[in-house]
Amino acid sequence: MQRTVRVIEAYVPGLSERPTVWYERLQATAAAALRAQGLEIALLAMPNDETLMWLVWGRPDQLDPGPVVAEVIQREVTSASGSAVIERAIDARFVWLESDGKA
């Protein structure tokens, strides 16, 4: 199965000083805000790089969710961290095989 995935990179100063629960709350809040748009997200945190990588995908027939995603992530990260966020968005293809239950 292939899906178009929006990848958003956010720079967050002081990220390495955040506890694990902070990342979990941030991901949950952003996921709830995007769920209404039919989008799903995953968060890859790289504390030593002070970088958050967000992977966002929706239905195969969905139009580009980029502007909505960027706005939500910008808002959530800024409000959660109290700092400025620099975001860069790129498009990618996320390819995976769904398990048919036979192994």
N, C-alpha and C. Protein backbone atom coordinates (compact mmCIF):
# COMPACT_ATOMS: atom_id res chain seq x y z
N MET A 1 0.84 -1.17 0.00
CA MET A 1 0.00 0.00 0.00
C MET A 1 0.89 1.23 0.00
N GLN A 2 0.51 2.24 -0.75
CA GLN A 2 1.25 3.49 -0.78
C GLN A 2 0.34 4.62 -0.35
N ARG A 3 0.90 5.54 0.37
CA ARG A 3 0.20 6.75 0.79
C ARG A 3 1.14 7.93 0.61
N THR A 4 0.60 9.06 0.26
CA THR A 4 1.40 10.27 0.26
C THR A 4 1.45 10.78 1.68
N VAL A 5 2.65 11.02 2.15
CA VAL A 5 2.87 11.44 3.52
C VAL A 5 3.48 12.83 3.52
N ARG A 6 2.94 13.67 4.33
CA ARG A 6 3.50 15.01 4.51
C ARG A 6 4.49 14.91 5.66
N VAL A 7 5.72 15.35 5.44
CA VAL A 7 6.75 15.31 6.48
C VAL A 7 7.06 16.75 6.87
N ILE A 8 6.90 17.04 8.13
CA ILE A 8 7.18 18.39 8.62
C ILE A 8 8.25 18.31 9.69
N GLU A 9 9.28 19.08 9.50
CA GLU A 9 10.40 19.13 10.43
C GLU A 9 10.29 20.41 11.24
N ALA A 10 10.28 20.29 12.54
CA ALA A 10 10.18 21.46 13.40
C ALA A 10 11.40 21.54 14.32
N TYR A 11 12.03 22.68 14.33
CA TYR A 11 13.17 22.92 15.20
C TYR A 11 12.65 23.50 16.51
N VAL A 12 12.99 22.86 17.63
CA VAL A 12 12.51 23.31 18.94
C VAL A 12 13.71 23.42 19.89
N PRO A 13 14.18 24.63 20.14
CA PRO A 13 15.31 24.80 21.07
C PRO A 13 14.99 24.20 22.44
N GLY A 14 15.97 23.55 23.03
CA GLY A 14 15.80 22.97 24.36
C GLY A 14 15.05 21.66 24.38
N LEU A 15 14.90 21.03 23.24
CA LEU A 15 14.12 19.80 23.15
C LEU A 15 14.71 18.67 23.99
N SER A 16 16.01 18.62 24.11
CA SER A 16 16.65 17.54 24.86
C SER A 16 16.35 17.59 26.36
N GLU A 17 15.85 18.71 26.82
CA GLU A 17 15.54 18.86 28.25
C GLU A 17 14.09 18.47 28.58
N ARG A 18 13.32 18.08 27.58
CA ARG A 18 11.91 17.74 27.78
C ARG A 18 11.75 16.31 28.26
N PRO A 19 10.82 16.06 29.20
CA PRO A 19 10.56 14.68 29.63
C PRO A 19 9.71 13.94 28.58
N THR A 20 9.72 12.63 28.64
CA THR A 20 8.98 11.81 27.68
C THR A 20 7.50 12.16 27.65
N VAL A 21 6.92 12.46 28.79
CA VAL A 21 5.50 12.79 28.85
C VAL A 21 5.18 14.04 28.02
N TRP A 22 6.12 14.94 27.91
CA TRP A 22 5.90 16.15 27.10
C TRP A 22 5.67 15.78 25.64
N TYR A 23 6.50 14.86 25.11
CA TYR A 23 6.35 14.41 23.72
C TYR A 23 5.01 13.70 23.52
N GLU A 24 4.64 12.87 24.48
CA GLU A 24 3.39 12.13 24.38
C GLU A 24 2.19 13.07 24.37
N ARG A 25 2.21 14.08 25.23
CA ARG A 25 1.11 15.06 25.26
C ARG A 25 1.04 15.86 23.97
N LEU A 26 2.20 16.28 23.47
CA LEU A 26 2.25 17.04 22.23
C LEU A 26 1.70 16.23 21.06
N GLN A 27 2.11 14.98 20.96
CA GLN A 27 1.62 14.12 19.88
C GLN A 27 0.12 13.90 20.00
N ALA A 28 -0.37 13.66 21.20
CA ALA A 28 -1.80 13.42 21.41
C ALA A 28 -2.63 14.66 21.06
N THR A 29 -2.15 15.83 21.45
CA THR A 29 -2.88 17.07 21.17
C THR A 29 -2.93 17.35 19.68
N ALA A 30 -1.80 17.21 19.00
CA ALA A 30 -1.77 17.44 17.55
C ALA A 30 -2.61 16.40 16.82
N ALA A 31 -2.54 15.13 17.26
CA ALA A 31 -3.33 14.07 16.63
C ALA A 31 -4.82 14.35 16.75
N ALA A 32 -5.25 14.81 17.92
CA ALA A 32 -6.67 15.13 18.12
C ALA A 32 -7.11 16.27 17.20
N ALA A 33 -6.27 17.27 17.04
CA ALA A 33 -6.61 18.40 16.17
C ALA A 33 -6.69 18.00 14.71
N LEU A 34 -5.86 17.04 14.29
CA LEU A 34 -5.85 16.62 12.88
C LEU A 34 -6.83 15.51 12.57
N ARG A 35 -7.25 14.78 13.59
CA ARG A 35 -8.20 13.67 13.38
C ARG A 35 -9.49 14.16 12.74
N ALA A 36 -9.93 15.37 13.10
CA ALA A 36 -11.16 15.93 12.51
C ALA A 36 -11.02 16.14 11.00
N GLN A 37 -9.79 16.28 10.53
CA GLN A 37 -9.53 16.44 9.10
C GLN A 37 -9.32 15.09 8.40
N GLY A 38 -9.46 13.98 9.15
CA GLY A 38 -9.25 12.66 8.58
C GLY A 38 -7.78 12.30 8.42
N LEU A 39 -6.92 12.92 9.22
CA LEU A 39 -5.48 12.70 9.11
C LEU A 39 -4.94 11.94 10.31
N GLU A 40 -3.89 11.17 10.08
CA GLU A 40 -3.20 10.45 11.14
C GLU A 40 -1.76 10.95 11.18
N ILE A 41 -1.14 10.91 12.38
CA ILE A 41 0.23 11.39 12.49
C ILE A 41 1.09 10.44 13.30
N ALA A 42 2.38 10.54 13.06
CA ALA A 42 3.40 9.88 13.87
C ALA A 42 4.45 10.95 14.16
N LEU A 43 5.07 10.85 15.31
CA LEU A 43 6.08 11.83 15.72
C LEU A 43 7.40 11.13 15.98
N LEU A 44 8.45 11.61 15.34
CA LEU A 44 9.80 11.14 15.59
C LEU A 44 10.54 12.30 16.23
N ALA A 45 10.92 12.13 17.49
CA ALA A 45 11.64 13.19 18.21
C ALA A 45 13.12 12.88 18.22
N MET A 46 13.93 13.86 17.88
CA MET A 46 15.38 13.75 17.92
C MET A 46 15.90 14.83 18.87
N PRO A 47 15.86 14.54 20.17
CA PRO A 47 16.19 15.55 21.17
C PRO A 47 17.57 16.19 21.00
N ASN A 48 18.59 15.40 20.69
CA ASN A 48 19.93 15.97 20.56
C ASN A 48 20.06 16.92 19.37
N ASP A 49 19.20 16.75 18.37
CA ASP A 49 19.17 17.65 17.21
C ASP A 49 18.18 18.79 17.42
N GLU A 50 17.43 18.74 18.51
CA GLU A 50 16.36 19.72 18.79
C GLU A 50 15.36 19.76 17.62
N THR A 51 15.04 18.56 17.12
CA THR A 51 14.18 18.44 15.95
C THR A 51 13.04 17.47 16.20
N LEU A 52 11.86 17.85 15.74
CA LEU A 52 10.70 16.96 15.71
C LEU A 52 10.35 16.71 14.25
N MET A 53 10.21 15.44 13.88
CA MET A 53 9.79 15.09 12.53
C MET A 53 8.38 14.53 12.63
N TRP A 54 7.45 15.18 11.98
CA TRP A 54 6.05 14.76 11.97
C TRP A 54 5.76 14.10 10.64
N LEU A 55 5.17 12.90 10.67
CA LEU A 55 4.71 12.22 9.46
C LEU A 55 3.19 12.26 9.51
N VAL A 56 2.58 12.77 8.47
CA VAL A 56 1.13 12.95 8.44
C VAL A 56 0.58 12.33 7.17
N TRP A 57 -0.47 11.51 7.31
CA TRP A 57 -1.09 10.90 6.14
C TRP A 57 -2.59 10.83 6.34
N GLY A 58 -3.27 10.74 5.22
CA GLY A 58 -4.73 10.64 5.23
C GLY A 58 -5.18 9.54 4.29
N ARG A 59 -6.38 9.66 3.80
CA ARG A 59 -6.91 8.69 2.85
C ARG A 59 -6.18 8.82 1.51
N PRO A 60 -6.11 7.74 0.74
CA PRO A 60 -5.41 7.82 -0.56
C PRO A 60 -5.99 8.87 -1.50
N ASP A 61 -7.30 9.16 -1.41
CA ASP A 61 -7.93 10.11 -2.32
C ASP A 61 -7.94 11.54 -1.77
N GLN A 62 -7.32 11.78 -0.64
CA GLN A 62 -7.37 13.07 0.01
C GLN A 62 -6.45 14.08 -0.67
N LEU A 63 -6.92 15.31 -0.76
CA LEU A 63 -6.10 16.38 -1.31
C LEU A 63 -4.97 16.71 -0.36
N ASP A 64 -4.01 17.49 -0.81
CA ASP A 64 -2.84 17.86 -0.02
C ASP A 64 -3.25 18.52 1.30
N PRO A 65 -2.95 17.88 2.42
CA PRO A 65 -3.32 18.45 3.71
C PRO A 65 -2.27 19.41 4.26
N GLY A 66 -1.24 19.70 3.46
CA GLY A 66 -0.10 20.49 3.93
C GLY A 66 -0.42 21.74 4.71
N PRO A 67 -1.23 22.65 4.19
CA PRO A 67 -1.49 23.89 4.93
C PRO A 67 -2.15 23.67 6.29
N VAL A 68 -3.10 22.75 6.37
CA VAL A 68 -3.77 22.46 7.63
C VAL A 68 -2.78 21.85 8.63
N VAL A 69 -1.99 20.91 8.15
CA VAL A 69 -1.01 20.23 9.00
C VAL A 69 0.02 21.22 9.54
N ALA A 70 0.59 22.01 8.67
CA ALA A 70 1.61 22.98 9.09
C ALA A 70 1.06 23.94 10.13
N GLU A 71 -0.17 24.39 9.94
CA GLU A 71 -0.77 25.34 10.88
C GLU A 71 -0.99 24.69 12.24
N VAL A 72 -1.50 23.48 12.28
CA VAL A 72 -1.76 22.78 13.54
C VAL A 72 -0.46 22.50 14.27
N ILE A 73 0.52 21.97 13.58
CA ILE A 73 1.79 21.64 14.23
C ILE A 73 2.49 22.90 14.72
N GLN A 74 2.48 23.93 13.90
CA GLN A 74 3.08 25.20 14.32
C GLN A 74 2.42 25.70 15.60
N ARG A 75 1.10 25.66 15.64
CA ARG A 75 0.36 26.13 16.82
C ARG A 75 0.64 25.26 18.04
N GLU A 76 0.57 23.95 17.89
CA GLU A 76 0.75 23.04 19.03
C GLU A 76 2.17 23.08 19.59
N VAL A 77 3.16 23.08 18.72
CA VAL A 77 4.54 23.09 19.20
C VAL A 77 4.86 24.42 19.86
N THR A 78 4.41 25.51 19.26
CA THR A 78 4.68 26.83 19.83
C THR A 78 4.01 26.98 21.19
N SER A 79 2.77 26.55 21.30
CA SER A 79 2.08 26.69 22.59
C SER A 79 2.64 25.73 23.64
N ALA A 80 3.09 24.56 23.23
CA ALA A 80 3.62 23.58 24.18
C ALA A 80 5.04 23.91 24.63
N SER A 81 5.81 24.52 23.77
CA SER A 81 7.21 24.77 24.11
C SER A 81 7.49 26.21 24.47
N GLY A 82 6.60 27.12 24.08
CA GLY A 82 6.81 28.53 24.36
C GLY A 82 7.95 29.13 23.55
N SER A 83 8.34 28.46 22.48
CA SER A 83 9.45 28.98 21.67
C SER A 83 9.06 29.00 20.20
N ALA A 84 9.86 29.69 19.43
CA ALA A 84 9.61 29.77 17.99
C ALA A 84 9.93 28.44 17.32
N VAL A 85 9.22 28.15 16.26
CA VAL A 85 9.43 26.91 15.52
C VAL A 85 9.70 27.25 14.07
N ILE A 86 10.72 26.64 13.53
CA ILE A 86 11.01 26.77 12.10
C ILE A 86 10.54 25.48 11.46
N GLU A 87 9.66 25.57 10.48
CA GLU A 87 9.19 24.33 9.86
C GLU A 87 9.55 24.28 8.39
N ARG A 88 9.84 23.09 7.95
CA ARG A 88 10.15 22.83 6.55
C ARG A 88 9.34 21.62 6.16
N ALA A 89 8.58 21.72 5.12
CA ALA A 89 7.73 20.61 4.70
C ALA A 89 8.23 20.04 3.38
N ILE A 90 8.25 18.72 3.30
CA ILE A 90 8.58 18.03 2.06
C ILE A 90 7.53 16.94 1.83
N ASP A 91 7.39 16.51 0.64
CA ASP A 91 6.47 15.42 0.34
C ASP A 91 7.25 14.14 0.14
N ALA A 92 6.66 13.03 0.56
CA ALA A 92 7.33 11.74 0.44
C ALA A 92 6.27 10.66 0.22
N ARG A 93 6.72 9.48 -0.10
CA ARG A 93 5.82 8.32 -0.19
C ARG A 93 6.19 7.37 0.93
N PHE A 94 5.20 6.95 1.66
CA PHE A 94 5.37 6.01 2.76
C PHE A 94 4.82 4.69 2.25
N VAL A 95 5.66 3.68 2.16
CA VAL A 95 5.26 2.40 1.58
C VAL A 95 5.40 1.32 2.64
N TRP A 96 4.34 0.57 2.85
CA TRP A 96 4.37 -0.53 3.78
C TRP A 96 3.42 -1.62 3.31
N LEU A 97 3.65 -2.81 3.80
CA LEU A 97 2.79 -3.93 3.48
C LEU A 97 1.91 -4.22 4.69
N GLU A 98 0.61 -4.31 4.47
CA GLU A 98 -0.28 -4.65 5.56
C GLU A 98 -0.24 -6.15 5.74
N SER A 99 -0.17 -6.59 6.97
CA SER A 99 -0.12 -8.00 7.28
C SER A 99 -1.46 -8.66 6.97
N ASP A 100 -1.39 -9.82 6.35
CA ASP A 100 -2.64 -10.53 6.06
C ASP A 100 -2.95 -11.55 7.16
N GLY A 101 -2.13 -11.52 8.24
CA GLY A 101 -2.36 -12.43 9.35
C GLY A 101 -1.76 -13.81 9.15
N LYS A 102 -1.13 -14.04 8.00
CA LYS A 102 -0.52 -15.34 7.74
C LYS A 102 0.99 -15.19 7.85
N ALA A 103 1.57 -15.91 8.77
CA ALA A 103 3.03 -15.80 8.92
C ALA A 103 3.62 -17.16 9.17
